[in-house]
Amino acid sequence: ESKFLKSYLLAAETGSGKTLAYLIPLMSKLKDLETTEEWKHIQNHPVIRSVVLVPTMELVEQVTKTVKNMSHQVKLRAFGYGVNPQLTPAKLTSQRVDVLITTPTKFINLYAKHANLVKYCSFMVADEADSLLDESFGPEITKAVAMCPNLTELVFTSATIPRSFDKLITKQYPDLNRLVTPGIHRVSRRIEFTTVNVWEPPFLDNKELALNQALYSTHTDNKEDGLIKRVIVFRNNRKDVKSTVDFINKVGYDAFGVDGSVPYETRDELIKDFITPPKRIDDSYEKKPHIKVMVTTDLLARGIDMSAVRNVVLYDIPNTSIDLIHRIGRTGRMGKRGRVYLFVNKSENKPWIQGLKSYIRKGMSL
């Protein structure tokens, strides 16, 4: 870590507004730099002034939209690299970009062809940092930092701090400034959490029956009156997504699947109804009952702002408590209410699972 580079860890619970927490100061500092001598030399040249790195294309698009919505008033140029295949690096090499949003892999590929673009890059954000510093992305983040010789601030943001991530980031950045909320690793008390012991009657270890019951309960409750209800069902493995979608459609609900095997452009179109406010029931929505179900994996468990989605079903036990927190965090965002069902069969039952409801109710850390 360079003595000139300030590093920060910004960690807060899911759905608490971390994106704005790093974007507002970033934009403010970019505007401050427009009063310097350097600005006169670069303002009309193709340079990248700051970079936001995220793990998925869904997050590239989401953060890009947020930056663009904010940057109209302050006159900053934002570019989501990789979102639109028609927009080639040629656009980047023809004008200044104040905030570039992309994945680590695409950023490194861009650098390989146009290293001069990042010469004046002062700020870098690694969003969903615990994911970006795991085995798959870790070396790429280190490389991305090294690619920017004039970096002055590096911000890591995360909703969770796994031990492995904590150890790694402390080793690499010993002077790291930590801003961590007391609520990290806790689930919002506005989320109604139910553990469904599937081995008990009437389900007798049949999770499909339990899913049918959960969807029926969601459909017939008095919540979200007049709106098309949205439900997210999480599976651990992509190979199980299709069979769950087929079952849900068979019992009369409107379902679709999203996993890593689906091309990004298709995924983007599929999830639109889940990242926009709920639609009102009208004649244009012919499916009865008025409920829409998305079956997915951990691909969509992180960072995606599922707009006011109220219902989440954890069909499988998540592999880690970190994955559990992120899946639950697709509902109950920004103080809204939510409901989560966790399905547990006999072989999966553990004491910690049965204690989850109490932990959440008491506001204890998971």
Foldseek 3Di string as FASTA:
>chain_A
DDPLAAEAEAAAAFQAPVLCVPLVVLLVVLLVCCVDPVVVVPQWFLAEAEEEAEADLLVLVVSQVVNVVPCPVVPAAEERPPNDPVDDCVVSRRGYHHYYYYHLVVLVVSCVVVLVRQANHAEYEYEQQVVCCPPVNNVSVVVNVVSRPNHRYYYYYHLAQDPVNVVVCCVVCVNYHYDYDPLRQADDLLEAEAEDAQCDPPNNQPLLVVVVVVVVCVLPDPPPPQFQAEEEEEDADPVCQVVSQVSCVVVQAAEDEDEPVDDPVVVVVVCVCFLDDTDGDDPVPPRPPRYYYYYYYLVPLPDRARDQRAYYEHSDDDPDSSSVSSRSSNHCRPNHHHYYYYYDYPVRDDPVVVCVSVCNNVSHRD
